[in-house]
Amino acid sequence: MNDPGPDHLVLVGMMGVGKSTVGRMIAAELDRPLHDSDEMIEERTGRTVREIWLTDGEPAFRALESEVLVESLAASEPSVIAAAGGVVLSEANRDALRGPEAHVVWLQADVDVLLERVRRGVHRPLLDDDPEATLRTMYEQRAPLYQEVADAIVSVDNRSINDVARAVLRCCG
């Protein structure tokens, strides 16, 4: 399998697309550390994403999201970064993702696939009220932003996690 070289391999995409799961597989395959945004935020704060979101609000969460992205991209050791779904909402984050140290892969999924995957999730406060309408709106807003930063796009629809990981590794060589 191909190694993206000295760059950080960054996975972006909507919640539920599989960034963390695929990221773990790729990190193991490449023998690289995994920087998972949500896990890093939870470790740093001692609180869940849901708790931060509901207690401190979206702006506080987005600031933490940006902080861990910048730190991950600044690491000297090449890594796999599973970026939080909303990381592309910030222009500064998009600029960072376009930097020379990042090779960005957009894991893309149909909204119906995402909806099925996130139905059982408990840490996604954005989806509390109307998951389908919220996901569709978020996808419409974010798709052009993911496209803007992506060096490659890999569809996850109708594919196993192994197939997605192999496709990501193929496009990074």
C-alpha atoms as a PDB file:
ATOM      1  CA  MET A   1       0.000   0.000   0.000  1.00  0.00           C
ATOM      2  CA  ASN A   2       1.131   3.531  -0.731  1.00  0.00           C
ATOM      3  CA  ASP A   3       2.425   5.879   1.952  1.00  0.00           C
ATOM      4  CA  PRO A   4       1.662   9.596   1.516  1.00  0.00           C
ATOM      5  CA  GLY A   5       5.241  10.357   2.498  1.00  0.00           C
ATOM      6  CA  PRO A   6       6.134  13.148   4.899  1.00  0.00           C
ATOM      7  CA  ASP A   7       2.675  14.705   4.816  1.00  0.00           C
ATOM      8  CA  HIS A   8      -0.033  14.279   7.387  1.00  0.00           C
ATOM      9  CA  LEU A   9      -2.937  12.322   5.934  1.00  0.00           C
ATOM     10  CA  VAL A  10      -6.088  14.214   6.930  1.00  0.00           C
ATOM     11  CA  LEU A  11      -9.544  12.675   6.683  1.00  0.00           C
ATOM     12  CA  VAL A  12     -12.423  15.134   6.420  1.00  0.00           C
ATOM     13  CA  GLY A  13     -16.125  14.588   5.937  1.00  0.00           C
ATOM     14  CA  MET A  14     -19.507  14.654   7.570  1.00  0.00           C
ATOM     15  CA  MET A  15     -20.272  13.122  10.956  1.00  0.00           C
ATOM     16  CA  GLY A  16     -20.881   9.409  10.643  1.00  0.00           C
ATOM     17  CA  VAL A  17     -18.823   8.979   7.477  1.00  0.00           C
ATOM     18  CA  GLY A  18     -16.220   6.844   9.272  1.00  0.00           C
ATOM     19  CA  LYS A  19     -13.241   9.165   9.707  1.00  0.00           C
ATOM     20  CA  SER A  20     -12.256   7.735  13.092  1.00  0.00           C
ATOM     21  CA  THR A  21     -12.704   4.089  12.094  1.00  0.00           C
ATOM     22  CA  VAL A  22     -10.943   4.449   8.735  1.00  0.00           C
ATOM     23  CA  GLY A  23      -8.299   6.618  10.358  1.00  0.00           C
ATOM     24  CA  ARG A  24      -7.462   3.901  12.907  1.00  0.00           C
ATOM     25  CA  MET A  25      -7.041   1.321  10.126  1.00  0.00           C
ATOM     26  CA  ILE A  26      -4.855   3.588   8.011  1.00  0.00           C
ATOM     27  CA  ALA A  27      -2.736   4.678  10.981  1.00  0.00           C
ATOM     28  CA  ALA A  28      -2.097   1.025  11.832  1.00  0.00           C
ATOM     29  CA  GLU A  29      -1.271   0.179   8.215  1.00  0.00           C
ATOM     30  CA  LEU A  30       1.165   3.092   7.884  1.00  0.00           C
ATOM     31  CA  ASP A  31       2.512   2.727  11.435  1.00  0.00           C
ATOM     32  CA  ARG A  32       1.622   6.329  12.198  1.00  0.00           C
ATOM     33  CA  PRO A  33      -0.058   7.949  15.187  1.00  0.00           C
ATOM     34  CA  LEU A  34      -3.752   8.801  14.858  1.00  0.00           C
ATOM     35  CA  HIS A  35      -4.901  12.273  15.867  1.00  0.00           C
ATOM     36  CA  ASP A  36      -8.680  12.062  16.272  1.00  0.00           C
ATOM     37  CA  SER A  37     -10.100  15.559  16.842  1.00  0.00           C
ATOM     38  CA  ASP A  38     -13.024  14.527  19.016  1.00  0.00           C
ATOM     39  CA  GLU A  39     -10.875  12.214  21.157  1.00  0.00           C
ATOM     40  CA  MET A  40      -8.216  14.902  21.565  1.00  0.00           C
ATOM     41  CA  ILE A  41     -10.823  17.464  22.642  1.00  0.00           C
ATOM     42  CA  GLU A  42     -12.361  15.043  25.136  1.00  0.00           C
ATOM     43  CA  GLU A  43      -8.945  14.123  26.573  1.00  0.00           C
ATOM     44  CA  ARG A  44      -7.949  17.769  26.857  1.00  0.00           C
ATOM     45  CA  THR A  45     -11.145  18.934  28.564  1.00  0.00           C
ATOM     46  CA  GLY A  46     -12.170  15.815  30.474  1.00  0.00           C
ATOM     47  CA  ARG A  47     -15.647  16.236  28.992  1.00  0.00           C
ATOM     48  CA  THR A  48     -17.520  14.716  26.094  1.00  0.00           C
ATOM     49  CA  VAL A  49     -18.139  16.614  22.881  1.00  0.00           C
ATOM     50  CA  ARG A  50     -21.824  16.665  23.811  1.00  0.00           C
ATOM     51  CA  GLU A  51     -21.097  18.187  27.230  1.00  0.00           C
ATOM     52  CA  ILE A  52     -18.862  20.873  25.743  1.00  0.00           C
ATOM     53  CA  TRP A  53     -21.421  21.692  23.065  1.00  0.00           C
ATOM     54  CA  LEU A  54     -24.362  21.900  25.455  1.00  0.00           C
ATOM     55  CA  THR A  55     -22.523  23.678  28.297  1.00  0.00           C
ATOM     56  CA  ASP A  56     -20.124  26.011  26.498  1.00  0.00           C
ATOM     57  CA  GLY A  57     -21.825  26.300  23.105  1.00  0.00           C
ATOM     58  CA  GLU A  58     -20.789  25.857  19.506  1.00  0.00           C
ATOM     59  CA  PRO A  59     -18.198  28.693  19.393  1.00  0.00           C
ATOM     60  CA  ALA A  60     -16.241  27.170  22.294  1.00  0.00           C
ATOM     61  CA  PHE A  61     -16.301  23.745  20.662  1.00  0.00           C
ATOM     62  CA  ARG A  62     -15.227  25.169  17.278  1.00  0.00           C
ATOM     63  CA  ALA A  63     -12.290  26.937  18.960  1.00  0.00           C
ATOM     64  CA  LEU A  64     -11.132  23.635  20.477  1.00  0.00           C
ATOM     65  CA  GLU A  65     -11.643  21.928  17.114  1.00  0.00           C
ATOM     66  CA  SER A  66      -9.374  24.507  15.445  1.00  0.00           C
ATOM     67  CA  GLU A  67      -6.784  24.253  18.210  1.00  0.00           C
ATOM     68  CA  VAL A  68      -6.364  20.483  17.891  1.00  0.00           C
ATOM     69  CA  LEU A  69      -6.257  20.672  14.067  1.00  0.00           C
ATOM     70  CA  VAL A  70      -3.442  23.238  14.102  1.00  0.00           C
ATOM     71  CA  GLU A  71      -1.527  21.243  16.732  1.00  0.00           C
ATOM     72  CA  SER A  72      -1.927  18.018  14.743  1.00  0.00           C
ATOM     73  CA  LEU A  73      -0.725  19.637  11.520  1.00  0.00           C
ATOM     74  CA  ALA A  74       2.259  21.166  13.342  1.00  0.00           C
ATOM     75  CA  ALA A  75       3.450  17.779  14.657  1.00  0.00           C
ATOM     76  CA  SER A  76       6.828  16.835  13.226  1.00  0.00           C
ATOM     77  CA  GLU A  77       5.974  13.138  12.916  1.00  0.00           C
ATOM     78  CA  PRO A  78       3.684  12.343   9.960  1.00  0.00           C
ATOM     79  CA  SER A  79       0.312  11.196  11.254  1.00  0.00           C
ATOM     80  CA  VAL A  80      -3.218  10.335  10.258  1.00  0.00           C
ATOM     81  CA  ILE A  81      -5.680  13.020  11.340  1.00  0.00           C
ATOM     82  CA  ALA A  82      -9.396  12.274  11.683  1.00  0.00           C
ATOM     83  CA  ALA A  83     -10.636  15.863  11.603  1.00  0.00           C
ATOM     84  CA  ALA A  84     -13.911  16.873  13.192  1.00  0.00           C
ATOM     85  CA  GLY A  85     -16.768  17.156  10.702  1.00  0.00           C
ATOM     86  CA  GLY A  86     -17.147  20.922  11.084  1.00  0.00           C
ATOM     87  CA  VAL A  87     -13.462  21.748  10.831  1.00  0.00           C
ATOM     88  CA  VAL A  88     -13.982  23.142   7.308  1.00  0.00           C
ATOM     89  CA  LEU A  89     -16.393  25.822   8.536  1.00  0.00           C
ATOM     90  CA  SER A  90     -13.459  28.012   9.560  1.00  0.00           C
ATOM     91  CA  GLU A  91     -11.571  29.782   6.788  1.00  0.00           C
ATOM     92  CA  ALA A  92      -8.384  29.607   8.880  1.00  0.00           C
ATOM     93  CA  ASN A  93      -8.807  25.825   9.166  1.00  0.00           C
ATOM     94  CA  ARG A  94      -9.353  25.516   5.411  1.00  0.00           C
ATOM     95  CA  ASP A  95      -6.161  27.523   4.851  1.00  0.00           C
ATOM     96  CA  ALA A  96      -4.289  25.176   7.200  1.00  0.00           C
ATOM     97  CA  LEU A  97      -5.682  22.126   5.400  1.00  0.00           C
ATOM     98  CA  ARG A  98      -4.437  23.504   2.077  1.00  0.00           C
ATOM     99  CA  GLY A  99      -0.923  23.802   3.534  1.00  0.00           C
ATOM    100  CA  PRO A 100       1.984  21.748   2.195  1.00  0.00           C
ATOM    101  CA  GLU A 101       2.063  19.448   5.246  1.00  0.00           C
ATOM    102  CA  ALA A 102      -1.459  18.103   4.682  1.00  0.00           C
ATOM    103  CA  HIS A 103      -2.755  15.566   2.201  1.00  0.00           C
ATOM    104  CA  VAL A 104      -6.544  15.823   2.588  1.00  0.00           C
ATOM    105  CA  VAL A 105      -8.994  13.079   1.663  1.00  0.00           C
ATOM    106  CA  TRP A 106     -12.715  13.838   1.735  1.00  0.00           C
ATOM    107  CA  LEU A 107     -14.655  10.749   2.788  1.00  0.00           C
ATOM    108  CA  GLN A 108     -17.932  11.350   1.028  1.00  0.00           C
ATOM    109  CA  ALA A 109     -21.262   9.640   1.681  1.00  0.00           C
ATOM    110  CA  ASP A 110     -24.832  10.035   0.583  1.00  0.00           C
ATOM    111  CA  VAL A 111     -26.922  11.762   3.252  1.00  0.00           C
ATOM    112  CA  ASP A 112     -29.183   8.688   3.560  1.00  0.00           C
ATOM    113  CA  VAL A 113     -26.121   6.575   4.410  1.00  0.00           C
ATOM    114  CA  LEU A 114     -25.018   9.126   6.996  1.00  0.00           C
ATOM    115  CA  LEU A 115     -28.487   9.301   8.499  1.00  0.00           C
ATOM    116  CA  GLU A 116     -28.567   5.546   9.014  1.00  0.00           C
ATOM    117  CA  ARG A 117     -25.111   5.592  10.611  1.00  0.00           C
ATOM    118  CA  VAL A 118     -25.802   8.414  13.068  1.00  0.00           C
ATOM    119  CA  ARG A 119     -29.253   7.311  14.233  1.00  0.00           C
ATOM    120  CA  ARG A 120     -27.780   5.462  17.207  1.00  0.00           C
ATOM    121  CA  GLY A 121     -25.193   8.131  18.058  1.00  0.00           C
ATOM    122  CA  VAL A 122     -25.466   9.954  21.356  1.00  0.00           C
ATOM    123  CA  HIS A 123     -22.667  12.533  21.095  1.00  0.00           C
ATOM    124  CA  ARG A 124     -24.071  14.543  18.180  1.00  0.00           C
ATOM    125  CA  PRO A 125     -26.108  17.380  19.719  1.00  0.00           C
ATOM    126  CA  LEU A 126     -26.617  19.051  16.338  1.00  0.00           C
ATOM    127  CA  LEU A 127     -28.900  16.163  15.402  1.00  0.00           C
ATOM    128  CA  ASP A 128     -31.123  16.209  18.489  1.00  0.00           C
ATOM    129  CA  ASP A 129     -34.162  17.888  16.929  1.00  0.00           C
ATOM    130  CA  ASP A 130     -34.477  16.883  13.264  1.00  0.00           C
ATOM    131  CA  PRO A 131     -31.582  14.638  12.211  1.00  0.00           C
ATOM    132  CA  GLU A 132     -32.560  14.302   8.553  1.00  0.00           C
ATOM    133  CA  ALA A 133     -33.182  17.985   7.825  1.00  0.00           C
ATOM    134  CA  THR A 134     -30.103  18.982   9.818  1.00  0.00           C
ATOM    135  CA  LEU A 135     -27.845  16.511   8.002  1.00  0.00           C
ATOM    136  CA  ARG A 136     -29.150  17.568   4.586  1.00  0.00           C
ATOM    137  CA  THR A 137     -28.609  21.254   5.381  1.00  0.00           C
ATOM    138  CA  MET A 138     -25.159  20.591   6.807  1.00  0.00           C
ATOM    139  CA  TYR A 139     -24.191  18.574   3.735  1.00  0.00           C
ATOM    140  CA  GLU A 140     -25.315  21.352   1.392  1.00  0.00           C
ATOM    141  CA  GLN A 141     -23.284  23.894   3.367  1.00  0.00           C
ATOM    142  CA  ARG A 142     -20.188  21.769   3.862  1.00  0.00           C
ATOM    143  CA  ALA A 143     -19.805  19.833   0.594  1.00  0.00           C
ATOM    144  CA  PRO A 144     -18.280  22.805  -1.280  1.00  0.00           C
ATOM    145  CA  LEU A 145     -15.914  23.405   1.647  1.00  0.00           C
ATOM    146  CA  TYR A 146     -14.769  19.769   1.743  1.00  0.00           C
ATOM    147  CA  GLN A 147     -14.287  19.968  -2.034  1.00  0.00           C
ATOM    148  CA  GLU A 148     -12.207  23.133  -1.594  1.00  0.00           C
ATOM    149  CA  VAL A 149      -9.645  21.453   0.687  1.00  0.00           C
ATOM    150  CA  ALA A 150      -9.668  17.913  -0.735  1.00  0.00           C
ATOM    151  CA  ASP A 151      -6.689  16.514  -2.582  1.00  0.00           C
ATOM    152  CA  ALA A 152      -8.762  13.376  -3.186  1.00  0.00           C
ATOM    153  CA  ILE A 153     -12.339  12.181  -2.681  1.00  0.00           C
ATOM    154  CA  VAL A 154     -13.277   8.655  -1.622  1.00  0.00           C
ATOM    155  CA  SER A 155     -16.904   7.545  -1.550  1.00  0.00           C
ATOM    156  CA  VAL A 156     -17.867   5.314   1.359  1.00  0.00           C
ATOM    157  CA  ASP A 157     -21.281   4.385  -0.046  1.00  0.00           C
ATOM    158  CA  ASN A 158     -21.797   0.619  -0.337  1.00  0.00           C
ATOM    159  CA  ARG A 159     -18.206  -0.089   0.718  1.00  0.00           C
ATOM    160  CA  SER A 160     -16.728  -1.898   3.669  1.00  0.00           C
ATOM    161  CA  ILE A 161     -14.370  -0.087   6.021  1.00  0.00           C
ATOM    162  CA  ASN A 162     -11.508  -2.160   4.547  1.00  0.00           C
ATOM    163  CA  ASP A 163     -12.445  -1.092   1.011  1.00  0.00           C
ATOM    164  CA  VAL A 164     -12.566   2.567   2.040  1.00  0.00           C
ATOM    165  CA  ALA A 165      -9.191   2.357   3.799  1.00  0.00           C
ATOM    166  CA  ARG A 166      -7.610   0.688   0.753  1.00  0.00           C
ATOM    167  CA  ALA A 167      -9.095   3.364  -1.531  1.00  0.00           C
ATOM    168  CA  VAL A 168      -7.689   6.139   0.673  1.00  0.00           C
ATOM    169  CA  LEU A 169      -4.259   4.539   0.664  1.00  0.00           C
ATOM    170  CA  ARG A 170      -4.359   4.073  -3.127  1.00  0.00           C
ATOM    171  CA  CYS A 171      -5.106   7.736  -3.715  1.00  0.00           C
ATOM    172  CA  CYS A 172      -2.319   8.927  -1.420  1.00  0.00           C
ATOM    173  CA  GLY A 173       0.678   7.403  -3.119  1.00  0.00           C
END
